[in-house]
Amino acid sequence: MLTNVEMFDALYALMTNDIRSEALLGASVGKDAHACPASAGASLAREAILRAPNTQQMPVLWFEIPLLGEARFDLHMAYSHWALRDLKNEEIDLRSPYGELFRWYAHEEPGGNGLALAFDISRGRLNDPAVHVNINGSPLRDIKRFFDIAAGEDAYGLYREFSDSLPAGWEIWYTGVHPGRLGAHLRVDCFIDRKTAARYEENYSLLVDDLCACGFYTAGSLLQDCVRSILESPFGLELQFDLMRDGSVGSTIGVSAAFPFGSATHARELFEEGGDGAAYMRTLEDMGLADDRWRCVLPATFSKVIPQGEGHLALYCVPTFVKLRMRDGDPFDAKLYVQTGAAEL
């Protein structure tokens, strides 16, 4: 049975098996599907995976790729309840609070859609990760316990107050915090349903009103342009907020275009010439929020089955969403998120 690191090596080699991957990931081109290319990002990613639980079911990985500036990536790892449930307590040997969070999620009744670690490896070192729980419309029985462990006893009250203020048609998609940072803010991502998004497309002032109702007051013209470009596409709209420890909502907002999750073939069609994904990315280029590196996502999009020992290894890699962030109304960053996974057959 392959370890999670060995499956990552196979995934990463396929992702970088094209010269264009250097512009996307800052990586060398791989020659062996089971040998990780020599790049700083890959080495730190391997180290991050070694720090995390080695479950029989590999965690879902997200590569967080900037659309401007130096080519690099950060790494997110999402573990399912079912994968963690099969581990013994002594196998979850992460130091506090991470170990306690994994043990909590392993024993939580099925709910949510994964407990995730987010490593900022693009900084060239491996610091303590942020942690978030993916809810995705599947409520957790005891989400208060998540906040008590990860962020302290006052955090759940902040989360509850914010969630109670959300307008109709908004649903919390994920929430998290950085336990290693004293007094770190909470992060909450909300998915806007189609009916509500259609209302905003007809009248943007309705979105401004709803933002103010939940405590966000810096909705400038750039935010309007970014939201409009998503509303005019077939993609889902997500909004991400920072909840500060004083109870206020921070001045940074994330605006995401969520692509429909499907086969690698469908994902490639989105980003080929004439596809809806390509059209949206060209809009970001025209706005000065991205360069042309997004075109390199095509050779890194795949669904393959390769020989492995006496069996086979199934691997996939697909783009899932783009997130733009603004701070005090000005652009902060833009990133493409690529989801990958592997399983032995």
Protein backbone atom coordinates (compact mmCIF):
# COMPACT_ATOMS: atom_id res chain seq x y z
CA MET A 1 0.00 0.00 0.00
CA LEU A 2 1.34 3.43 -0.96
CA THR A 3 1.74 6.16 1.63
CA ASN A 4 0.11 9.55 1.14
CA VAL A 5 3.52 11.02 0.28
CA GLU A 6 4.08 8.42 -2.44
CA MET A 7 0.68 9.18 -3.94
CA PHE A 8 1.48 12.91 -3.80
CA ASP A 9 4.71 12.21 -5.69
CA ALA A 10 2.76 10.49 -8.45
CA LEU A 11 0.22 13.32 -8.63
CA TYR A 12 2.82 16.06 -8.66
CA ALA A 13 4.87 14.37 -11.36
CA LEU A 14 1.80 14.24 -13.63
CA MET A 15 0.93 17.85 -12.83
CA THR A 16 4.41 18.98 -13.83
CA ASN A 17 4.88 16.74 -16.85
CA ASP A 18 4.85 19.74 -19.19
CA ILE A 19 7.20 22.70 -19.60
CA ARG A 20 4.27 25.08 -19.01
CA SER A 21 3.99 23.89 -15.41
CA GLU A 22 6.97 26.09 -14.54
CA ALA A 23 4.80 29.18 -15.12
CA LEU A 24 1.98 27.70 -13.05
CA LEU A 25 3.78 26.05 -10.12
CA GLY A 26 7.38 27.20 -10.38
CA ALA A 27 8.36 23.54 -10.75
CA SER A 28 10.81 21.46 -12.71
CA VAL A 29 9.38 19.05 -15.26
CA GLY A 30 9.04 15.54 -13.81
CA LYS A 31 10.44 12.52 -15.57
CA ASP A 32 9.21 9.68 -13.36
CA ALA A 33 5.59 9.37 -12.25
CA HIS A 34 6.81 8.12 -8.87
CA ALA A 35 9.70 10.52 -8.32
CA CYS A 36 8.92 13.98 -7.01
CA PRO A 37 10.58 16.75 -9.05
CA ALA A 38 13.23 18.76 -7.25
CA SER A 39 11.49 22.03 -6.42
CA ALA A 40 11.25 23.89 -3.13
CA GLY A 41 7.46 23.84 -3.19
CA ALA A 42 7.30 20.08 -3.72
CA SER A 43 9.81 19.41 -0.94
CA LEU A 44 7.85 21.50 1.55
CA ALA A 45 4.58 19.91 0.41
CA ARG A 46 6.03 16.46 1.06
CA GLU A 47 7.16 17.57 4.52
CA ALA A 48 3.68 18.94 5.25
CA ILE A 49 2.07 15.64 4.25
CA LEU A 50 4.52 13.74 6.46
CA ARG A 51 3.46 15.88 9.42
CA ALA A 52 -0.22 15.06 8.91
CA PRO A 53 -2.00 11.75 9.63
CA ASN A 54 -1.20 8.99 7.12
CA THR A 55 -4.75 7.77 6.51
CA GLN A 56 -5.57 4.84 4.25
CA GLN A 57 -7.71 7.22 2.20
CA MET A 58 -5.52 10.01 0.87
CA PRO A 59 -6.72 13.51 1.80
CA VAL A 60 -8.05 15.72 -0.96
CA LEU A 61 -5.34 18.23 -1.88
CA TRP A 62 -5.83 21.78 -3.12
CA PHE A 63 -2.99 23.68 -4.77
CA GLU A 64 -3.45 27.42 -4.18
CA ILE A 65 -1.77 29.15 -7.13
CA PRO A 66 -1.31 32.94 -7.46
CA LEU A 67 -2.34 34.45 -10.80
CA LEU A 68 0.22 37.26 -10.65
CA GLY A 69 3.82 37.53 -9.45
CA GLU A 70 6.24 34.73 -8.71
CA ALA A 71 5.11 31.22 -9.65
CA ARG A 72 4.59 29.22 -6.44
CA PHE A 73 1.83 27.46 -4.51
CA ASP A 74 0.37 26.80 -1.08
CA LEU A 75 -1.16 23.48 -0.09
CA HIS A 76 -4.45 22.50 1.57
CA MET A 77 -5.21 18.95 2.78
CA ALA A 78 -8.80 17.94 3.60
CA TYR A 79 -9.46 14.74 5.56
CA SER A 80 -12.86 13.08 5.56
CA HIS A 81 -14.57 11.94 8.74
CA TRP A 82 -14.49 8.38 7.43
CA ALA A 83 -10.74 8.38 6.79
CA LEU A 84 -9.96 9.72 10.27
CA ARG A 85 -12.43 7.40 11.99
CA ASP A 86 -10.31 4.40 11.02
CA LEU A 87 -7.24 5.79 12.81
CA LYS A 88 -6.42 4.88 16.40
CA ASN A 89 -5.95 7.78 18.81
CA GLU A 90 -2.23 7.02 19.08
CA GLU A 91 -1.91 7.28 15.29
CA ILE A 92 -3.05 10.91 15.46
CA ASP A 93 0.18 12.06 17.07
CA LEU A 94 -0.02 15.72 16.05
CA ARG A 95 0.76 18.16 18.83
CA SER A 96 -1.99 20.28 20.33
CA PRO A 97 -4.25 21.76 19.14
CA TYR A 98 -4.08 19.92 15.82
CA GLY A 99 -4.14 16.42 17.28
CA GLU A 100 -7.14 17.29 19.44
CA LEU A 101 -8.96 18.70 16.41
CA PHE A 102 -8.37 15.56 14.38
CA ARG A 103 -9.51 13.36 17.25
CA TRP A 104 -12.64 15.52 17.62
CA TYR A 105 -13.49 15.26 13.94
CA ALA A 106 -12.78 11.52 13.85
CA HIS A 107 -15.37 10.96 16.58
CA GLU A 108 -17.86 13.57 15.35
CA GLU A 109 -21.07 12.18 13.91
CA PRO A 110 -20.87 12.26 10.10
CA GLY A 111 -21.23 15.84 9.01
CA GLY A 112 -19.31 18.51 7.23
CA ASN A 113 -17.13 17.75 4.25
CA GLY A 114 -13.63 17.52 5.64
CA LEU A 115 -11.22 18.87 8.23
CA ALA A 116 -8.43 20.69 6.40
CA LEU A 117 -4.93 21.96 7.07
CA ALA A 118 -3.68 24.93 5.01
CA PHE A 119 0.09 25.32 4.73
CA ASP A 120 1.61 28.59 3.46
CA ILE A 121 4.58 26.84 1.87
CA SER A 122 5.03 29.59 -0.75
CA ARG A 123 6.89 31.57 1.93
CA GLY A 124 9.75 29.11 1.61
CA ARG A 125 9.34 27.52 5.04
CA LEU A 126 6.89 25.23 6.78
CA ASN A 127 5.04 27.09 9.51
CA ASP A 128 2.08 25.91 11.58
CA PRO A 129 -0.95 25.57 9.29
CA ALA A 130 -4.33 27.21 9.45
CA VAL A 131 -7.18 24.78 10.02
CA HIS A 132 -10.70 24.90 8.66
CA VAL A 133 -13.73 22.68 8.56
CA ASN A 134 -15.67 22.32 5.33
CA ILE A 135 -19.40 22.43 6.00
CA ASN A 136 -20.80 22.54 2.45
CA GLY A 137 -24.41 22.34 3.52
CA SER A 138 -23.87 19.40 5.90
CA PRO A 139 -24.15 20.79 9.46
CA LEU A 140 -21.84 19.60 12.21
CA ARG A 141 -23.37 18.37 15.45
CA ASP A 142 -20.87 20.22 17.64
CA ILE A 143 -19.11 22.96 15.69
CA LYS A 144 -18.68 24.85 18.97
CA ARG A 145 -16.10 22.23 19.93
CA PHE A 146 -14.11 23.05 16.80
CA PHE A 147 -13.83 26.70 17.81
CA ASP A 148 -13.14 25.91 21.47
CA ILE A 149 -10.14 23.78 20.48
CA ALA A 150 -8.81 25.85 17.57
CA ALA A 151 -9.48 29.42 18.64
CA GLY A 152 -10.55 29.71 22.28
CA GLU A 153 -13.84 29.93 24.10
CA ASP A 154 -14.87 33.35 22.75
CA ALA A 155 -14.61 32.29 19.09
CA TYR A 156 -17.86 30.38 18.82
CA GLY A 157 -19.81 33.41 20.01
CA LEU A 158 -18.28 35.51 17.21
CA TYR A 159 -19.11 32.83 14.66
CA ARG A 160 -22.66 32.40 15.93
CA GLU A 161 -23.34 36.15 15.92
CA PHE A 162 -22.09 36.44 12.34
CA SER A 163 -23.97 33.37 11.11
CA ASP A 164 -27.19 34.68 12.67
CA SER A 165 -26.76 37.95 10.72
CA LEU A 166 -26.47 36.30 7.30
CA PRO A 167 -29.09 37.27 4.69
CA ALA A 168 -31.51 34.77 3.21
CA GLY A 169 -29.89 32.74 0.45
CA TRP A 170 -26.43 32.71 2.08
CA GLU A 171 -25.01 29.45 3.40
CA ILE A 172 -21.73 28.98 5.28
CA TRP A 173 -19.45 26.82 3.15
CA TYR A 174 -16.39 26.60 5.40
CA THR A 175 -14.87 28.28 8.42
CA GLY A 176 -11.46 28.27 10.01
CA VAL A 177 -8.71 29.94 12.01
CA HIS A 178 -4.93 29.96 12.37
CA PRO A 179 -4.27 28.42 15.82
CA GLY A 180 -0.59 29.39 15.74
CA ARG A 181 -1.30 33.12 15.64
CA LEU A 182 -2.27 34.81 18.90
CA GLY A 183 -5.63 36.52 18.59
CA ALA A 184 -6.04 35.39 14.98
CA HIS A 185 -9.27 36.32 13.27
CA LEU A 186 -11.80 33.74 12.17
CA ARG A 187 -12.48 33.18 8.49
CA VAL A 188 -15.95 32.37 7.16
CA ASP A 189 -16.83 31.60 3.55
CA CYS A 190 -20.44 31.86 2.35
CA PHE A 191 -22.04 30.42 -0.78
CA ILE A 192 -24.76 32.53 -2.41
CA ASP A 193 -27.63 30.52 -3.88
CA ARG A 194 -28.72 31.01 -7.50
CA LYS A 195 -31.96 32.81 -6.70
CA THR A 196 -30.18 35.36 -4.51
CA ALA A 197 -27.36 35.78 -7.03
CA ALA A 198 -29.94 36.53 -9.73
CA ARG A 199 -31.37 39.31 -7.52
CA TYR A 200 -27.90 40.81 -7.15
CA GLU A 201 -27.35 40.65 -10.90
CA GLU A 202 -30.53 42.67 -11.44
CA ASN A 203 -29.78 45.16 -8.67
CA TYR A 204 -26.26 45.32 -7.19
CA SER A 205 -27.41 47.66 -4.40
CA LEU A 206 -29.21 44.68 -2.85
CA LEU A 207 -25.84 43.00 -2.32
CA VAL A 208 -24.41 46.19 -0.79
CA ASP A 209 -27.36 46.26 1.62
CA ASP A 210 -26.83 42.62 2.56
CA LEU A 211 -23.09 43.16 3.07
CA CYS A 212 -23.81 46.06 5.42
CA ALA A 213 -26.36 43.95 7.29
CA CYS A 214 -23.66 41.42 8.18
CA GLY A 215 -21.08 44.10 9.07
CA PHE A 216 -19.04 44.64 5.90
CA TYR A 217 -19.01 48.29 4.81
CA THR A 218 -16.24 48.72 2.19
CA ALA A 219 -17.99 47.56 -0.99
CA GLY A 220 -16.32 49.70 -3.67
CA SER A 221 -16.47 49.75 -7.45
CA LEU A 222 -13.87 46.99 -7.87
CA LEU A 223 -15.96 44.63 -5.76
CA GLN A 224 -18.95 45.43 -7.95
CA ASP A 225 -16.95 44.69 -11.11
CA CYS A 226 -15.63 41.40 -9.69
CA VAL A 227 -19.04 40.25 -8.53
CA ARG A 228 -20.67 41.23 -11.82
CA SER A 229 -18.13 39.19 -13.83
CA ILE A 230 -19.11 36.11 -11.79
CA LEU A 231 -22.84 36.78 -11.92
CA GLU A 232 -22.64 37.05 -15.71
CA SER A 233 -20.92 33.65 -15.86
CA PRO A 234 -22.42 30.21 -15.12
CA PHE A 235 -20.27 29.90 -12.00
CA GLY A 236 -21.25 30.00 -8.35
CA LEU A 237 -20.57 33.05 -6.17
CA GLU A 238 -18.84 32.77 -2.80
CA LEU A 239 -17.91 35.57 -0.39
CA GLN A 240 -15.25 35.21 2.32
CA PHE A 241 -15.04 37.34 5.47
CA ASP A 242 -12.62 37.86 8.34
CA LEU A 243 -14.23 38.03 11.80
CA MET A 244 -12.05 40.08 14.12
CA ARG A 245 -11.70 39.38 17.83
CA ASP A 246 -13.47 42.63 18.74
CA GLY A 247 -16.61 41.36 16.98
CA SER A 248 -16.23 43.47 13.83
CA VAL A 249 -15.95 42.21 10.26
CA GLY A 250 -12.55 42.95 8.71
CA SER A 251 -11.98 45.17 5.69
CA THR A 252 -10.71 42.25 3.54
CA ILE A 253 -13.23 40.35 1.45
CA GLY A 254 -12.74 37.34 -0.80
CA VAL A 255 -14.86 36.90 -3.93
CA SER A 256 -14.78 33.45 -5.52
CA ALA A 257 -16.02 32.03 -8.81
CA ALA A 258 -16.82 28.37 -8.10
CA PHE A 259 -16.53 26.11 -11.14
CA PRO A 260 -18.87 23.11 -11.45
CA PHE A 261 -17.02 20.06 -10.15
CA GLY A 262 -16.95 17.31 -12.73
CA SER A 263 -14.71 15.21 -14.91
CA ALA A 264 -11.30 16.32 -16.11
CA THR A 265 -12.74 16.36 -19.63
CA HIS A 266 -15.40 18.87 -18.58
CA ALA A 267 -12.82 20.97 -16.72
CA ARG A 268 -10.62 21.07 -19.81
CA GLU A 269 -13.56 22.22 -21.92
CA LEU A 270 -14.09 25.13 -19.52
CA PHE A 271 -10.54 26.37 -20.05
CA GLU A 272 -10.18 25.69 -23.75
CA GLU A 273 -10.67 28.51 -26.24
CA GLY A 274 -14.35 29.44 -26.21
CA GLY A 275 -14.98 27.89 -22.79
CA ASP A 276 -16.70 29.77 -19.96
CA GLY A 277 -13.66 29.39 -17.72
CA ALA A 278 -11.37 30.88 -20.35
CA ALA A 279 -13.76 33.79 -20.87
CA TYR A 280 -13.82 34.53 -17.14
CA MET A 281 -10.03 34.36 -16.85
CA ARG A 282 -9.62 36.73 -19.80
CA THR A 283 -11.89 39.17 -17.95
CA LEU A 284 -9.52 39.01 -14.97
CA GLU A 285 -6.59 39.64 -17.32
CA ASP A 286 -8.36 42.70 -18.75
CA MET A 287 -8.93 43.96 -15.19
CA GLY A 288 -5.22 43.57 -14.42
CA LEU A 289 -5.91 40.92 -11.76
CA ALA A 290 -4.21 38.00 -13.57
CA ASP A 291 -1.60 37.36 -16.23
CA ASP A 292 -1.73 34.59 -18.82
CA ARG A 293 -0.38 31.76 -16.64
CA TRP A 294 -3.91 30.39 -16.20
CA ARG A 295 -3.58 28.98 -19.72
CA CYS A 296 -1.06 26.51 -18.29
CA VAL A 297 -3.81 24.79 -16.29
CA LEU A 298 -4.83 22.67 -19.30
CA PRO A 299 -1.78 20.35 -19.31
CA ALA A 300 -2.13 20.02 -15.52
CA THR A 301 -5.78 18.89 -15.78
CA PHE A 302 -6.22 15.13 -15.99
CA SER A 303 -7.90 11.96 -14.83
CA LYS A 304 -5.67 8.93 -15.25
CA VAL A 305 -5.21 5.35 -14.14
CA ILE A 306 -1.60 4.17 -14.11
CA PRO A 307 -0.06 0.77 -13.24
CA GLN A 308 1.07 0.43 -9.63
CA GLY A 309 2.58 -2.84 -8.43
CA GLU A 310 0.02 -5.58 -8.97
CA GLY A 311 -2.81 -3.05 -9.22
CA HIS A 312 -3.45 0.47 -10.43
CA LEU A 313 -3.45 4.02 -9.13
CA ALA A 314 -6.26 6.42 -10.06
CA LEU A 315 -5.32 10.11 -10.05
CA TYR A 316 -7.10 13.34 -10.95
CA CYS A 317 -6.41 17.07 -11.03
CA VAL A 318 -9.04 19.72 -11.88
CA PRO A 319 -9.39 23.50 -11.35
CA THR A 320 -12.24 24.20 -8.91
CA PHE A 321 -12.40 27.95 -8.22
CA VAL A 322 -10.72 31.34 -8.42
CA LYS A 323 -10.65 33.67 -5.42
CA LEU A 324 -10.03 37.41 -5.61
CA ARG A 325 -9.32 39.36 -2.44
CA MET A 326 -9.77 43.07 -1.82
CA ARG A 327 -8.67 45.07 1.20
CA ASP A 328 -10.29 48.44 1.87
CA GLY A 329 -11.67 48.26 -1.67
CA ASP A 330 -8.28 47.72 -3.37
CA PRO A 331 -7.08 44.48 -5.03
CA PHE A 332 -4.99 42.30 -2.75
CA ASP A 333 -4.43 39.02 -4.59
CA ALA A 334 -6.01 36.54 -7.01
CA LYS A 335 -5.53 32.78 -6.82
CA LEU A 336 -6.56 29.69 -8.72
CA TYR A 337 -7.41 26.59 -6.66
CA VAL A 338 -6.73 23.20 -8.21
CA GLN A 339 -8.12 20.06 -6.56
CA THR A 340 -6.25 16.75 -6.75
CA GLY A 341 -6.62 13.26 -5.37
CA ALA A 342 -5.37 9.70 -5.69
CA ALA A 343 -6.57 6.22 -4.72
CA GLU A 344 -5.25 2.70 -5.16
CA LEU A 345 -7.48 0.34 -7.14
